[in-house]
């Protein structure tokens, strides 16, 4: 089986579709299988992204990238300061 790296937007969309299926009375096992994931993946994703909308996830990822960029700049500017944070 090949592993697929899902984007944050794909994950939140799948979580929303599973939530809708659960409201219709579909079992969690069936709903997760329809999305091509296992139950443990569903619970892991839900703990990470459960309360976020796709737009919020996208913004969160953008902020993470910006923070990483700023940390690199800080390290280039003053390596001792970067160690302190």
Protein backbone atom coordinates (compact mmCIF):
# COMPACT_ATOMS: atom_id res chain seq x y z
CA UNK A 1 0.00 0.00 0.00
CA UNK A 2 1.34 3.42 -0.94
CA UNK A 3 1.36 6.22 1.59
CA UNK A 4 -0.20 9.49 0.59
CA UNK A 5 0.61 12.82 2.12
CA UNK A 6 -2.68 14.67 2.51
CA UNK A 7 -2.75 18.43 2.59
CA UNK A 8 -4.36 20.14 5.55
CA UNK A 9 -7.23 21.28 3.34
CA UNK A 10 -7.85 17.71 2.17
CA UNK A 11 -7.82 16.48 5.75
CA UNK A 12 -10.37 19.03 6.95
CA UNK A 13 -12.59 18.32 3.95
CA UNK A 14 -12.49 14.58 4.68
CA UNK A 15 -13.26 15.22 8.36
CA UNK A 16 -16.28 17.32 7.36
CA UNK A 17 -17.56 14.61 5.01
CA UNK A 18 -17.13 11.96 7.70
CA UNK A 19 -18.98 14.16 10.23
CA UNK A 20 -21.88 14.53 7.78
CA UNK A 21 -21.96 10.77 7.18
CA UNK A 22 -22.00 10.12 10.93
CA UNK A 23 -24.98 12.47 11.29
CA UNK A 24 -26.80 10.45 8.63
CA UNK A 25 -26.28 7.34 10.76
CA UNK A 26 -23.38 5.74 8.90
CA UNK A 27 -20.93 3.91 11.15
CA UNK A 28 -17.52 5.44 11.72
CA UNK A 29 -15.82 2.43 10.18
CA UNK A 30 -17.85 2.77 6.96
CA UNK A 31 -17.49 6.55 6.78
CA UNK A 32 -13.72 6.39 7.23
CA UNK A 33 -13.47 3.61 4.66
CA UNK A 34 -15.43 5.70 2.14
CA UNK A 35 -12.78 8.42 2.56
CA UNK A 36 -9.95 5.92 2.19
CA UNK A 37 -8.60 6.14 5.73
CA UNK A 38 -8.70 3.95 8.83
CA UNK A 39 -10.36 4.82 12.12
CA UNK A 40 -7.08 5.54 13.88
CA UNK A 41 -6.18 8.06 11.18
CA UNK A 42 -9.58 9.68 11.63
CA UNK A 43 -9.05 10.10 15.39
CA UNK A 44 -5.50 11.42 14.91
CA UNK A 45 -6.65 13.94 12.30
CA UNK A 46 -9.62 14.95 14.42
CA UNK A 47 -7.35 15.69 17.38
CA UNK A 48 -5.12 17.86 15.18
CA UNK A 49 -7.62 19.58 12.87
CA UNK A 50 -11.06 18.82 14.30
CA UNK A 51 -12.06 22.30 15.36
CA UNK A 52 -10.55 24.16 12.40
CA UNK A 53 -12.15 25.09 9.11
CA UNK A 54 -10.16 24.66 5.87
CA UNK A 55 -9.53 28.43 5.75
CA UNK A 56 -8.20 28.44 9.31
CA UNK A 57 -5.92 25.49 8.55
CA UNK A 58 -4.51 27.27 5.52
CA UNK A 59 -3.81 30.38 7.59
CA UNK A 60 -2.24 28.26 10.34
CA UNK A 61 0.13 26.63 7.84
CA UNK A 62 1.06 30.03 6.40
CA UNK A 63 1.90 31.28 9.90
CA UNK A 64 4.05 28.23 10.59
CA UNK A 65 6.04 28.87 7.41
CA UNK A 66 6.43 32.54 8.27
CA UNK A 67 7.66 31.69 11.79
CA UNK A 68 10.23 29.27 10.37
CA UNK A 69 11.46 31.93 7.96
CA UNK A 70 11.73 34.50 10.74
CA UNK A 71 13.63 32.06 12.98
CA UNK A 72 16.16 31.46 10.18
CA UNK A 73 16.60 35.23 9.71
CA UNK A 74 17.07 35.70 13.44
CA UNK A 75 19.66 32.95 13.54
CA UNK A 76 21.58 34.54 10.66
CA UNK A 77 21.43 37.95 12.34
CA UNK A 78 22.34 36.89 15.87
CA UNK A 79 23.03 33.18 16.51
CA UNK A 80 23.26 33.67 20.31
CA UNK A 81 19.81 35.29 20.42
CA UNK A 82 18.33 32.39 18.46
CA UNK A 83 19.64 29.93 21.04
CA UNK A 84 17.97 31.84 23.86
CA UNK A 85 14.48 31.54 22.38
